[in-house]
Protein backbone atom coordinates (compact mmCIF):
# COMPACT_ATOMS: atom_id res chain seq x y z
CA UNK A 1 130.73 119.52 -38.72
CA UNK A 2 127.33 117.02 -39.17
CA UNK A 3 127.96 115.23 -35.66
CA UNK A 4 127.67 118.71 -33.83
CA UNK A 5 124.90 119.63 -35.63
CA UNK A 6 123.06 116.22 -34.54
CA UNK A 7 124.15 116.68 -30.86
CA UNK A 8 122.58 120.39 -30.52
CA UNK A 9 119.54 118.92 -32.06
CA UNK A 10 119.53 116.22 -29.20
CA UNK A 11 119.99 118.93 -26.83
CA UNK A 12 116.99 121.19 -28.39
CA UNK A 13 114.51 118.66 -27.98
CA UNK A 14 114.61 118.25 -24.00
CA UNK A 15 115.17 121.79 -23.63
CA UNK A 16 111.76 122.69 -26.46
CA UNK A 17 110.25 119.70 -23.74
CA UNK A 18 110.58 121.84 -20.94
CA UNK A 19 109.57 124.73 -22.19
CA UNK A 20 106.26 123.44 -23.32
CA UNK A 21 106.13 121.93 -20.01
CA UNK A 22 106.33 125.02 -17.97
CA UNK A 23 103.89 126.69 -20.96
CA UNK A 24 101.62 124.09 -19.25
CA UNK A 25 102.08 124.58 -15.84
CA UNK A 26 101.49 128.71 -16.40
CA UNK A 27 98.46 128.06 -17.87
CA UNK A 28 97.06 125.48 -15.76
CA UNK A 29 97.91 127.81 -12.37
CA UNK A 30 96.07 130.74 -14.54
CA UNK A 31 93.00 128.05 -14.94
CA UNK A 32 92.99 127.42 -11.57
CA UNK A 33 92.55 131.31 -10.34
CA UNK A 34 89.93 131.65 -13.23
CA UNK A 35 87.92 128.84 -11.75
CA UNK A 36 88.15 130.00 -8.26
CA UNK A 37 86.44 133.08 -9.14
CA UNK A 38 83.58 131.42 -11.35
CA UNK A 39 85.35 133.33 -14.57
CA UNK A 40 84.31 130.13 -16.63
CA UNK A 41 84.45 132.21 -20.30
CA UNK A 42 88.17 132.18 -19.48
CA UNK A 43 88.46 128.94 -18.49
CA UNK A 44 87.27 127.93 -21.58
CA UNK A 45 90.06 129.76 -23.22
CA UNK A 46 92.69 128.30 -21.42
CA UNK A 47 91.14 125.01 -21.95
CA UNK A 48 91.57 125.42 -26.19
CA UNK A 49 95.14 126.97 -25.57
CA UNK A 50 96.33 123.95 -23.56
CA UNK A 51 93.98 121.32 -26.01
CA UNK A 52 96.12 123.32 -28.78
CA UNK A 53 100.06 123.22 -26.98
CA UNK A 54 100.01 120.11 -24.68
CA UNK A 55 101.24 116.89 -25.67
CA UNK A 56 99.21 113.56 -26.48
CA UNK A 57 99.95 112.38 -22.81
CA UNK A 58 98.83 115.81 -21.46
CA UNK A 59 95.76 116.67 -23.77
CA UNK A 60 93.35 115.22 -20.42
CA UNK A 61 94.58 118.46 -18.87
CA UNK A 62 92.68 120.63 -21.16
CA UNK A 63 89.92 118.27 -21.42
CA UNK A 64 89.28 118.87 -17.71
CA UNK A 65 89.52 122.51 -17.99
CA UNK A 66 87.09 122.36 -20.77
CA UNK A 67 84.73 120.24 -18.34
CA UNK A 68 84.76 122.78 -15.42
CA UNK A 69 83.92 125.30 -17.87
CA UNK A 70 80.76 123.38 -19.47
CA UNK A 71 79.76 122.34 -15.65
CA UNK A 72 78.34 126.49 -15.30
CA UNK A 73 75.39 125.17 -13.02
CA UNK A 74 77.50 123.38 -11.15
CA UNK A 75 75.22 120.24 -11.03
CA UNK A 76 76.54 118.95 -14.50
CA UNK A 77 75.57 118.87 -17.24
CA UNK A 78 75.32 115.66 -19.92
CA UNK A 79 78.92 117.01 -21.70
CA UNK A 80 80.48 117.62 -18.56
CA UNK A 81 79.62 114.67 -16.69
CA UNK A 82 81.04 112.34 -19.59
CA UNK A 83 84.09 114.24 -19.60
CA UNK A 84 84.42 113.64 -15.67
CA UNK A 85 83.46 110.15 -16.13
CA UNK A 86 86.25 109.53 -18.85
CA UNK A 87 88.86 111.03 -16.87
CA UNK A 88 88.14 109.24 -13.92
CA UNK A 89 90.16 106.66 -16.05
CA UNK A 90 93.02 108.53 -16.99
CA UNK A 91 96.54 107.38 -16.59
CA UNK A 92 97.15 110.75 -14.48
CA UNK A 93 96.14 110.72 -10.76
CA UNK A 94 95.31 114.08 -10.37
CA UNK A 95 93.58 114.29 -12.68
CA UNK A 96 91.67 110.86 -11.77
CA UNK A 97 91.25 112.96 -8.60
CA UNK A 98 89.95 116.04 -9.78
CA UNK A 99 87.64 114.05 -12.24
CA UNK A 100 86.22 112.23 -8.93
CA UNK A 101 85.92 115.25 -6.77
CA UNK A 102 84.00 117.61 -9.69
CA UNK A 103 81.72 114.15 -10.14
CA UNK A 104 81.49 114.43 -5.88
CA UNK A 105 80.32 118.17 -5.80
CA UNK A 106 77.93 117.77 -8.67
CA UNK A 107 76.49 114.94 -6.77
CA UNK A 108 76.55 117.28 -3.30
CA UNK A 109 74.62 119.84 -5.44
CA UNK A 110 71.90 117.37 -6.70
CA UNK A 111 71.45 116.39 -3.29
CA UNK A 112 72.59 113.16 -3.35
CA UNK A 113 75.21 112.60 -0.33
CA UNK A 114 75.78 109.50 -0.98
CA UNK A 115 77.02 108.99 -4.39
CA UNK A 116 79.01 112.37 -3.33
CA UNK A 117 80.49 110.48 -0.82
CA UNK A 118 81.40 107.89 -3.10
CA UNK A 119 83.01 109.95 -5.17
CA UNK A 120 84.73 111.58 -2.79
CA UNK A 121 86.52 108.56 -1.00
CA UNK A 122 87.38 107.95 -4.07
CA UNK A 123 89.46 111.30 -5.20
CA UNK A 124 90.94 110.46 -1.61
CA UNK A 125 92.49 107.61 -3.07
CA UNK A 126 93.45 108.89 -6.29
CA UNK A 127 94.91 112.21 -4.25
CA UNK A 128 96.86 109.95 -2.04
CA UNK A 129 99.30 108.77 -5.03
CA UNK A 130 99.73 112.11 -6.06
CA UNK A 131 102.89 113.89 -5.06
CA UNK A 132 101.76 117.47 -4.74
CA UNK A 133 98.12 118.92 -5.27
CA UNK A 134 97.66 121.20 -2.58
CA UNK A 135 94.52 122.71 -4.66
CA UNK A 136 92.93 119.61 -5.18
CA UNK A 137 93.43 118.61 -1.65
CA UNK A 138 91.90 122.30 -0.52
CA UNK A 139 89.27 121.88 -2.53
CA UNK A 140 88.06 117.98 -1.09
CA UNK A 141 88.87 118.69 2.26
CA UNK A 142 86.41 121.95 2.13
CA UNK A 143 83.93 120.03 0.52
CA UNK A 144 84.18 117.09 2.87
CA UNK A 145 83.62 119.40 5.82
CA UNK A 146 80.50 120.76 3.76
CA UNK A 147 79.19 117.23 3.62
CA UNK A 148 79.21 116.72 6.89
CA UNK A 149 77.58 119.63 8.02
CA UNK A 150 74.73 118.78 5.65
CA UNK A 151 74.61 115.42 7.55
CA UNK A 152 73.65 117.46 10.70
CA UNK A 153 78.07 117.58 12.25
CA UNK A 154 78.36 121.04 12.43
CA UNK A 155 80.56 121.55 15.08
CA UNK A 156 82.99 118.63 13.19
CA UNK A 157 82.65 120.41 10.05
CA UNK A 158 83.19 124.22 11.34
CA UNK A 159 86.77 122.27 13.04
CA UNK A 160 87.38 120.95 9.75
CA UNK A 161 86.53 124.03 7.76
CA UNK A 162 88.90 125.66 9.98
CA UNK A 163 91.74 123.79 9.35
CA UNK A 164 91.26 124.20 5.72
CA UNK A 165 91.36 127.33 5.79
CA UNK A 166 94.67 127.62 7.07
CA UNK A 167 95.64 125.17 4.52
CA UNK A 168 94.15 127.50 2.01
CA UNK A 169 96.08 129.91 2.93
CA UNK A 170 99.22 128.74 2.20
CA UNK A 171 98.06 128.63 -1.60
CA UNK A 172 96.26 131.79 -1.97
CA UNK A 173 98.15 133.09 -4.74
CA UNK A 174 95.96 131.01 -6.70
CA UNK A 175 93.25 130.18 -4.20
CA UNK A 176 92.01 133.48 -3.74
CA UNK A 177 88.04 133.49 -4.30
CA UNK A 178 88.40 129.66 -2.88
CA UNK A 179 89.50 131.21 0.66
CA UNK A 180 86.72 133.52 1.03
CA UNK A 181 84.62 130.67 0.12
CA UNK A 182 85.57 128.44 3.16
CA UNK A 183 84.72 131.61 5.51
CA UNK A 184 81.21 131.76 3.77
CA UNK A 185 80.76 127.90 5.04
CA UNK A 186 82.35 128.46 8.20
CA UNK A 187 79.29 131.40 8.56
CA UNK A 188 76.76 129.01 7.46
CA UNK A 189 77.71 125.88 10.29
CA UNK A 190 78.15 128.83 12.86
CA UNK A 191 74.55 129.85 12.11
CA UNK A 192 73.19 125.92 12.35
CA UNK A 193 75.05 126.14 15.42
CA UNK A 194 72.98 129.19 17.23
CA UNK A 195 75.90 131.57 16.58
CA UNK A 196 74.83 134.03 13.90
CA UNK A 197 76.95 136.89 15.44
CA UNK A 198 79.65 135.09 15.26
CA UNK A 199 78.84 133.88 11.80
CA UNK A 200 78.82 137.71 10.73
CA UNK A 201 82.75 138.47 10.63
CA UNK A 202 83.50 135.79 8.23
CA UNK A 203 80.88 136.56 5.74
CA UNK A 204 81.27 140.07 5.99
CA UNK A 205 85.07 139.67 5.09
CA UNK A 206 83.81 137.41 2.14
CA UNK A 207 81.42 139.80 0.67
CA UNK A 208 84.16 143.03 0.99
CA UNK A 209 86.63 140.89 -1.27
CA UNK A 210 86.21 141.69 -4.94
CA UNK A 211 85.37 138.13 -5.68
CA UNK A 212 81.57 138.36 -4.26
CA UNK A 213 80.39 140.01 -7.23
CA UNK A 214 80.26 136.07 -8.82
CA UNK A 215 78.81 134.35 -5.39
CA UNK A 216 75.36 135.56 -4.79
CA UNK A 217 75.10 132.87 -2.09
CA UNK A 218 77.66 134.71 0.26
CA UNK A 219 74.42 137.52 0.52
CA UNK A 220 72.05 134.98 1.29
CA UNK A 221 74.03 134.06 3.90
CA UNK A 222 74.58 137.39 5.56
CA UNK A 223 70.39 137.47 5.50
CA UNK A 224 70.44 134.25 6.83
CA UNK A 225 73.00 135.71 9.81
CA UNK A 226 71.15 139.01 10.19
CA UNK A 227 67.67 137.17 10.07
CA UNK A 228 69.08 134.79 12.65
CA UNK A 229 70.33 137.50 15.21
CA UNK A 230 67.44 139.37 15.02
CA UNK A 231 64.86 136.80 15.93
CA UNK A 232 67.43 134.72 18.58
CA UNK A 233 65.83 134.68 22.08
CA UNK A 234 67.68 134.25 25.38
CA UNK A 235 67.64 130.70 25.00
CA UNK A 236 71.13 129.53 26.72
CA UNK A 237 73.25 128.07 23.53
CA UNK A 238 75.79 125.31 23.68
CA UNK A 239 78.98 126.23 24.33
CA UNK A 240 81.57 126.28 21.27
CA UNK A 241 84.67 124.79 21.45
CA UNK A 242 87.59 127.47 22.48
CA UNK A 243 89.56 126.95 19.06
CA UNK A 244 86.09 127.91 17.42
CA UNK A 245 85.41 130.71 19.56
CA UNK A 246 89.22 131.99 19.43
CA UNK A 247 89.18 131.83 15.41
CA UNK A 248 85.89 133.81 15.33
CA UNK A 249 87.40 136.28 17.76
CA UNK A 250 90.80 136.77 15.47
CA UNK A 251 88.47 137.26 12.32
CA UNK A 252 87.17 140.13 14.38
CA UNK A 253 90.45 141.54 15.40
CA UNK A 254 91.68 141.53 11.15
CA UNK A 255 88.47 143.32 10.48
CA UNK A 256 89.38 146.20 12.68
CA UNK A 257 92.47 146.62 11.01
CA UNK A 258 90.80 146.99 7.14
CA UNK A 259 91.41 151.04 5.81
CA UNK A 260 88.94 153.64 6.85
CA UNK A 261 87.26 153.12 3.66
CA UNK A 262 85.98 149.44 4.16
CA UNK A 263 85.37 149.97 8.08
CA UNK A 264 82.84 153.04 6.96
CA UNK A 265 81.24 150.89 4.35
CA UNK A 266 81.04 148.31 6.89
CA UNK A 267 79.77 150.55 9.46
CA UNK A 268 77.32 152.37 7.78
CA UNK A 269 75.80 148.96 6.15
CA UNK A 270 75.68 148.20 10.35
CA UNK A 271 74.17 151.31 11.22
CA UNK A 272 71.41 151.00 8.25
CA UNK A 273 70.85 147.59 9.22
CA UNK A 274 69.83 148.35 12.85
CA UNK A 275 67.76 151.42 12.23
CA UNK A 276 65.77 148.75 9.82
CA UNK A 277 65.70 146.57 12.30
CA UNK A 278 63.92 149.11 15.31
CA UNK A 279 61.56 150.51 12.28
CA UNK A 280 60.43 147.32 11.33
CA UNK A 281 59.35 146.48 15.20
CA UNK A 282 57.52 149.61 14.56
CA UNK A 283 58.18 151.00 17.97
CA UNK A 284 59.17 154.28 17.54
CA UNK A 285 57.43 157.45 18.10
CA UNK A 286 56.15 159.23 14.58
CA UNK A 287 58.33 161.99 15.57
CA UNK A 288 61.65 159.77 15.67
CA UNK A 289 60.93 157.71 12.87
CA UNK A 290 60.43 161.27 10.82
CA UNK A 291 63.94 162.00 12.09
CA UNK A 292 65.70 158.67 11.03
CA UNK A 293 64.21 158.94 7.49
CA UNK A 294 65.30 162.54 6.83
CA UNK A 295 68.70 161.57 8.09
CA UNK A 296 68.92 158.88 5.91
CA UNK A 297 67.84 160.64 2.83
CA UNK A 298 70.50 163.13 3.63
């Protein structure tokens, strides 16, 4: 009897360990969803749970999400930077890569592109040792492309963002807001290349998503695209690669398949924007201006 009880106890130990690992995995996926959507209070609450339930060797996971929650500006705080720096020495290669990635993005947002590149290179080395971290890989690919754009290589940045967006679609369930961040970055590169009209469909798709409220920079991108389109002259523009133009056309086609209410809202914004531009030029007769104003009020 005692032997049987001992055997059952030995069986239960790995079973309990498996349950704990599965719970940690589930919490991690929820933390990634929250991080992607900038729901940092939720990230912090999940970090509390992870630190409470994770065994000693997995405690760094909880500290990683604690640092993410503390890094509200994105540029780093003394607390978040200290945690990320300590995690670069963590036994887990995936967390070393994530920590280097976070430090690189902090440096990028502060305008230190050289330091950002160093951290991103280190992150790449650590991720090469990891069997599977698609979320980290996608985020790193996006930031490397953005870094290229910041250095003036806009066409290369746009192409790399296209490739990253395709990869991100495969992990959409846990990277929802991240997909729209990539579309916004594509719009930024298209504006820099002199294609503001092509830049509008991607950023409009981002603004139509449920995450837009937490990403005010998407609105700024749209405003920049509209301003550039309005002031654009008839100067001949360089030809974009066919693959990029095809991608933009496909995005426009997808937007046409939106529901009636979504398309009506988008159309209303376009019409109001067009009328506002006409009135800004002040080249309408007073009677027409009065008619437009009365229609807008109605």
